[in-house]
Amino acid sequence: MYVIWCRREGRGGLRVGVSDARYPIPYMADPITIVEPCDVHLMKRWLRRRAKKGWSLERLRRSCEG
């Protein structure tokens, strides 16, 4: 399992990254969702594109639910 997380950078922009769920995520990062290894690339790319469009952390989290 992997954790997709985001961290604020620059002028309020979000940086999206991925970490193995067995280890802590980087300092000051907020988790978005947990994904299977086969979905990591697709979900990371999708979330990065939404973050570039200005989506908030809460909106990114809601989009990954259910």
Protein backbone atom coordinates (compact mmCIF):
# COMPACT_ATOMS: atom_id res chain seq x y z
CA MET A 1 0.00 0.00 0.00
CA TYR A 2 1.08 3.56 -0.69
CA VAL A 3 0.08 6.95 0.69
CA ILE A 4 -0.43 9.86 -1.66
CA TRP A 5 0.21 13.09 0.22
CA CYS A 6 0.47 16.81 -0.47
CA ARG A 7 2.45 19.66 1.02
CA ARG A 8 1.99 23.41 0.60
CA GLU A 9 4.72 25.07 -1.44
CA GLY A 10 5.30 28.51 -2.81
CA ARG A 11 2.24 30.74 -3.02
CA GLY A 12 -0.28 28.25 -1.73
CA GLY A 13 0.34 25.63 -4.40
CA LEU A 14 0.27 21.96 -3.48
CA ARG A 15 3.04 19.46 -4.15
CA VAL A 16 1.75 15.89 -4.53
CA GLY A 17 3.98 12.96 -3.64
CA VAL A 18 3.90 9.25 -2.82
CA SER A 19 5.38 7.27 0.08
CA ASP A 20 5.28 3.65 1.15
CA ALA A 21 2.54 3.33 3.78
CA ARG A 22 4.88 1.45 6.14
CA TYR A 23 7.02 4.57 6.66
CA PRO A 24 6.20 8.10 7.82
CA ILE A 25 5.28 10.69 5.22
CA PRO A 26 7.50 13.81 4.90
CA TYR A 27 7.37 16.57 7.50
CA MET A 28 4.47 19.04 7.06
CA ALA A 29 2.73 16.78 4.51
CA ASP A 30 -0.94 15.88 4.75
CA PRO A 31 -2.21 12.49 3.54
CA ILE A 32 -4.79 12.48 0.75
CA THR A 33 -5.49 8.79 0.23
CA ILE A 34 -4.11 5.26 0.44
CA VAL A 35 -3.85 3.32 -2.82
CA GLU A 36 -2.83 -0.09 -4.12
CA PRO A 37 0.55 -0.38 -5.88
CA CYS A 38 -1.11 -0.87 -9.29
CA ASP A 39 -2.98 2.48 -8.98
CA VAL A 40 -0.14 4.70 -7.73
CA HIS A 41 0.95 6.19 -11.07
CA LEU A 42 -2.59 6.89 -12.28
CA MET A 43 -3.81 8.45 -9.02
CA LYS A 44 -0.66 10.54 -8.51
CA ARG A 45 -0.91 11.97 -12.01
CA TRP A 46 -4.64 12.67 -11.63
CA LEU A 47 -4.16 14.41 -8.27
CA ARG A 48 -1.19 16.48 -9.52
CA ARG A 49 -3.29 17.81 -12.39
CA ARG A 50 -6.11 18.78 -10.03
CA ALA A 51 -3.66 20.45 -7.62
CA LYS A 52 -2.28 22.53 -10.51
CA LYS A 53 -5.83 23.68 -11.25
CA GLY A 54 -6.07 25.04 -7.71
CA TRP A 55 -8.05 22.34 -5.93
CA SER A 56 -7.82 22.43 -2.13
CA LEU A 57 -6.63 19.55 0.04
CA GLU A 58 -10.18 18.89 1.23
CA ARG A 59 -11.51 18.78 -2.31
CA LEU A 60 -8.77 16.35 -3.32
CA ARG A 61 -9.64 14.12 -0.35
CA ARG A 62 -13.37 14.20 -1.17
CA SER A 63 -12.69 13.26 -4.79
CA CYS A 64 -10.85 10.11 -3.64
CA GLU A 65 -13.62 8.85 -1.36
CA GLY A 66 -15.86 5.93 -2.14
